[in-house]
Each structure stands twice: as C-alpha cells, then as structure tokens.
Amino acid sequence: MRAGRSPGAMPETPQELARELSEEMLELLKLLNRAEEEHRDVNGYELSELVHLLGKIRGPTVDPPAVERALTVLVANRLAAVAPDEEYAWERGRVVGPRYLITTRGKEFLVARIGRVDRIE
C-alpha cells in the first residue's frame, strides 16, 4: 500500500492497483535478492519476515494479504520460488518453515527493471 493512503483505503483505479502491486513486487524481489547475497545459513524469507521487512520500508500500512498476493504473482511468473522444507536456522534460533527465494529469472527481471530507472532505490 502506498504511503500517505489511509489504512484499508482501496486504490481508486485498476491502474493504481496495478502500479501498487508492481511496486510491491519490486520491493519483494529486492529483499529476496538481498537475502541471497547475504549468504544466510538458511536461504530466503518466510511470509511473516517479508511482511515485517516490507513494513520497515513502506510503513505501517503494509497489508499482509497484499504481500501474499504479490508473492503469489512472483512465484506464478517464476520470478520467485518457494522452499517448502523446514530447516533449523542458527541465525534465527528456530526452525523456519516455507521460505520465498529469488530465482535466476527474478534476478534478470530485477536487473532489467533497475536498469530502466538507472538506479537502485
């Protein structure tokens, strides 16, 4: 959800909804890419972790169902994948469940998108 809009307010037009989804998907790809580059003991982020991290970036109006929808679109388009196995994460001090990972195709999309705006946001 875009900053400045009241929580729960719906986009006014389909174009605005598409723009918000696109922005959210781009932010999610950046987070997934960062997770991979950090070489964590367990790759990827769980949905709750992504909602939390996106909230830090976009503010308290982040809607968990909207994040899940954006992730579903990323996975459906093979820009992200789901690691369904449970694994103990030493850094997190707990067993983590299904996690989202960036794919090679997702990296290519991210690089192309960043190249269009000529900067990393």
C-alpha atoms as a PDB file:
ATOM      1  CA  MET A   1       0.000   0.000   0.000  1.00  0.00           C
ATOM      2  CA  ARG A   2       1.330   3.418  -0.901  1.00  0.00           C
ATOM      3  CA  ALA A   3       2.430   5.776   1.863  1.00  0.00           C
ATOM      4  CA  GLY A   4       0.020   8.591   2.526  1.00  0.00           C
ATOM      5  CA  ARG A   5      -3.080   6.498   1.951  1.00  0.00           C
ATOM      6  CA  SER A   6      -5.149   5.687   4.995  1.00  0.00           C
ATOM      7  CA  PRO A   7      -5.035   2.040   6.140  1.00  0.00           C
ATOM      8  CA  GLY A   8      -7.700  -0.018   4.449  1.00  0.00           C
ATOM      9  CA  ALA A   9      -8.291   2.533   1.665  1.00  0.00           C
ATOM     10  CA  MET A  10      -8.636   0.908  -1.726  1.00  0.00           C
ATOM     11  CA  PRO A  11      -6.906   2.151  -4.872  1.00  0.00           C
ATOM     12  CA  GLU A  12      -9.168   4.338  -6.942  1.00  0.00           C
ATOM     13  CA  THR A  13      -8.427   2.825 -10.344  1.00  0.00           C
ATOM     14  CA  PRO A  14      -7.246  -0.511 -11.773  1.00  0.00           C
ATOM     15  CA  GLN A  15      -4.119   1.280 -12.997  1.00  0.00           C
ATOM     16  CA  GLU A  16      -3.346   2.464  -9.482  1.00  0.00           C
ATOM     17  CA  LEU A  17      -3.843  -1.049  -8.128  1.00  0.00           C
ATOM     18  CA  ALA A  18      -1.508  -2.454 -10.803  1.00  0.00           C
ATOM     19  CA  ARG A  19       1.108   0.204 -10.065  1.00  0.00           C
ATOM     20  CA  GLU A  20       0.999  -0.586  -6.330  1.00  0.00           C
ATOM     21  CA  LEU A  21       1.289  -4.319  -6.976  1.00  0.00           C
ATOM     22  CA  SER A  22       4.230  -3.722  -9.307  1.00  0.00           C
ATOM     23  CA  GLU A  23       5.998  -1.545  -6.724  1.00  0.00           C
ATOM     24  CA  GLU A  24       5.404  -4.117  -4.001  1.00  0.00           C
ATOM     25  CA  MET A  25       6.697  -6.964  -6.175  1.00  0.00           C
ATOM     26  CA  LEU A  26       9.841  -4.977  -6.979  1.00  0.00           C
ATOM     27  CA  GLU A  27      10.485  -4.323  -3.277  1.00  0.00           C
ATOM     28  CA  LEU A  28       9.964  -8.018  -2.524  1.00  0.00           C
ATOM     29  CA  LEU A  29      12.439  -9.024  -5.235  1.00  0.00           C
ATOM     30  CA  LYS A  30      14.981  -6.610  -3.788  1.00  0.00           C
ATOM     31  CA  LEU A  31      14.530  -8.161  -0.336  1.00  0.00           C
ATOM     32  CA  LEU A  32      14.839 -11.699  -1.690  1.00  0.00           C
ATOM     33  CA  ASN A  33      17.931 -10.747  -3.664  1.00  0.00           C
ATOM     34  CA  ARG A  34      19.494  -9.155  -0.588  1.00  0.00           C
ATOM     35  CA  ALA A  35      18.788 -12.314   1.433  1.00  0.00           C
ATOM     36  CA  GLU A  36      20.616 -14.412  -1.132  1.00  0.00           C
ATOM     37  CA  GLU A  37      23.580 -12.047  -1.306  1.00  0.00           C
ATOM     38  CA  GLU A  38      23.977 -12.058   2.479  1.00  0.00           C
ATOM     39  CA  HIS A  39      24.693 -15.817   2.373  1.00  0.00           C
ATOM     40  CA  ARG A  40      22.488 -16.604   5.339  1.00  0.00           C
ATOM     41  CA  ASP A  41      22.577 -20.077   6.856  1.00  0.00           C
ATOM     42  CA  VAL A  42      19.065 -20.701   5.512  1.00  0.00           C
ATOM     43  CA  ASN A  43      18.130 -19.008   2.243  1.00  0.00           C
ATOM     44  CA  GLY A  44      15.014 -16.942   1.756  1.00  0.00           C
ATOM     45  CA  TYR A  45      12.416 -15.311   3.971  1.00  0.00           C
ATOM     46  CA  GLU A  46       9.173 -16.586   5.413  1.00  0.00           C
ATOM     47  CA  LEU A  47       5.995 -14.637   4.629  1.00  0.00           C
ATOM     48  CA  SER A  48       5.894 -13.069   8.106  1.00  0.00           C
ATOM     49  CA  GLU A  49       9.517 -11.928   7.756  1.00  0.00           C
ATOM     50  CA  LEU A  50       8.791 -10.333   4.379  1.00  0.00           C
ATOM     51  CA  VAL A  51       5.741  -8.525   5.762  1.00  0.00           C
ATOM     52  CA  HIS A  52       7.871  -7.197   8.637  1.00  0.00           C
ATOM     53  CA  LEU A  53      10.753  -6.088   6.383  1.00  0.00           C
ATOM     54  CA  LEU A  54       8.406  -4.513   3.839  1.00  0.00           C
ATOM     55  CA  GLY A  55       6.718  -2.655   6.698  1.00  0.00           C
ATOM     56  CA  LYS A  56      10.085  -1.130   7.597  1.00  0.00           C
ATOM     57  CA  ILE A  57      10.467   0.106   4.023  1.00  0.00           C
ATOM     58  CA  ARG A  58       6.919   1.135   3.172  1.00  0.00           C
ATOM     59  CA  GLY A  59       5.488   1.980   6.567  1.00  0.00           C
ATOM     60  CA  PRO A  60       2.815   0.560   8.819  1.00  0.00           C
ATOM     61  CA  THR A  61       0.176   0.381   6.080  1.00  0.00           C
ATOM     62  CA  VAL A  62       1.628  -2.834   4.604  1.00  0.00           C
ATOM     63  CA  ASP A  63      -1.207  -5.311   4.156  1.00  0.00           C
ATOM     64  CA  PRO A  64      -0.157  -8.973   4.749  1.00  0.00           C
ATOM     65  CA  PRO A  65      -2.757 -10.376   2.271  1.00  0.00           C
ATOM     66  CA  ALA A  66      -1.467  -7.942  -0.378  1.00  0.00           C
ATOM     67  CA  VAL A  67       2.106  -9.127   0.248  1.00  0.00           C
ATOM     68  CA  GLU A  68       0.957 -12.718  -0.119  1.00  0.00           C
ATOM     69  CA  ARG A  69      -0.822 -11.838  -3.408  1.00  0.00           C
ATOM     70  CA  ALA A  70       2.347 -10.172  -4.717  1.00  0.00           C
ATOM     71  CA  LEU A  71       4.406 -13.240  -3.769  1.00  0.00           C
ATOM     72  CA  THR A  72       1.866 -15.493  -5.494  1.00  0.00           C
ATOM     73  CA  VAL A  73       2.282 -13.459  -8.696  1.00  0.00           C
ATOM     74  CA  LEU A  74       6.089 -13.611  -8.408  1.00  0.00           C
ATOM     75  CA  VAL A  75       6.024 -17.393  -7.936  1.00  0.00           C
ATOM     76  CA  ALA A  76       3.496 -17.887 -10.758  1.00  0.00           C
ATOM     77  CA  ASN A  77       5.791 -15.940 -13.089  1.00  0.00           C
ATOM     78  CA  ARG A  78       8.860 -17.866 -11.863  1.00  0.00           C
ATOM     79  CA  LEU A  79      10.498 -14.710 -10.528  1.00  0.00           C
ATOM     80  CA  ALA A  80      10.478 -16.267  -7.054  1.00  0.00           C
ATOM     81  CA  ALA A  81      10.224 -19.803  -5.728  1.00  0.00           C
ATOM     82  CA  VAL A  82       9.113 -21.429  -2.501  1.00  0.00           C
ATOM     83  CA  ALA A  83      11.425 -23.643  -0.456  1.00  0.00           C
ATOM     84  CA  PRO A  84       8.803 -25.746   1.338  1.00  0.00           C
ATOM     85  CA  ASP A  85      11.132 -27.669   3.655  1.00  0.00           C
ATOM     86  CA  GLU A  86      11.501 -26.875   7.330  1.00  0.00           C
ATOM     87  CA  GLU A  87      15.059 -26.258   8.435  1.00  0.00           C
ATOM     88  CA  TYR A  88      16.772 -25.083  11.591  1.00  0.00           C
ATOM     89  CA  ALA A  89      18.210 -21.591  11.137  1.00  0.00           C
ATOM     90  CA  TRP A  90      21.059 -20.904  13.554  1.00  0.00           C
ATOM     91  CA  GLU A  91      20.951 -17.144  12.880  1.00  0.00           C
ATOM     92  CA  ARG A  92      17.239 -17.045  13.682  1.00  0.00           C
ATOM     93  CA  GLY A  93      17.447 -19.515  16.551  1.00  0.00           C
ATOM     94  CA  ARG A  94      14.441 -21.528  15.395  1.00  0.00           C
ATOM     95  CA  VAL A  95      13.047 -23.848  12.776  1.00  0.00           C
ATOM     96  CA  VAL A  96      11.869 -21.907   9.754  1.00  0.00           C
ATOM     97  CA  GLY A  97       9.059 -23.056   7.518  1.00  0.00           C
ATOM     98  CA  PRO A  98       8.354 -22.363   3.860  1.00  0.00           C
ATOM     99  CA  ARG A  99      10.513 -19.545   2.523  1.00  0.00           C
ATOM    100  CA  TYR A 100      10.487 -17.435  -0.596  1.00  0.00           C
ATOM    101  CA  LEU A 101      13.634 -17.284  -2.739  1.00  0.00           C
ATOM    102  CA  ILE A 102      14.576 -15.217  -5.773  1.00  0.00           C
ATOM    103  CA  THR A 103      15.142 -17.188  -8.977  1.00  0.00           C
ATOM    104  CA  THR A 104      17.594 -16.537 -11.791  1.00  0.00           C
ATOM    105  CA  ARG A 105      14.697 -15.197 -13.820  1.00  0.00           C
ATOM    106  CA  GLY A 106      13.790 -12.923 -10.890  1.00  0.00           C
ATOM    107  CA  LYS A 107      17.342 -11.582 -10.773  1.00  0.00           C
ATOM    108  CA  GLU A 108      17.249 -10.888 -14.508  1.00  0.00           C
ATOM    109  CA  PHE A 109      13.941  -9.061 -14.136  1.00  0.00           C
ATOM    110  CA  LEU A 110      15.297  -7.047 -11.202  1.00  0.00           C
ATOM    111  CA  VAL A 111      18.437  -6.035 -13.093  1.00  0.00           C
ATOM    112  CA  ALA A 112      16.386  -5.046 -16.157  1.00  0.00           C
ATOM    113  CA  ARG A 113      13.958  -3.039 -14.032  1.00  0.00           C
ATOM    114  CA  ILE A 114      16.745  -1.269 -12.170  1.00  0.00           C
ATOM    115  CA  GLY A 115      18.444  -0.567 -15.498  1.00  0.00           C
ATOM    116  CA  ARG A 116      15.303   1.205 -16.694  1.00  0.00           C
ATOM    117  CA  VAL A 117      15.288   3.624 -13.796  1.00  0.00           C
ATOM    118  CA  ASP A 118      19.100   3.793 -13.890  1.00  0.00           C
ATOM    119  CA  ARG A 119      19.440   3.472 -10.120  1.00  0.00           C
ATOM    120  CA  ILE A 120      18.743   1.194  -7.196  1.00  0.00           C
ATOM    121  CA  GLU A 121      16.017   2.554  -4.947  1.00  0.00           C
END
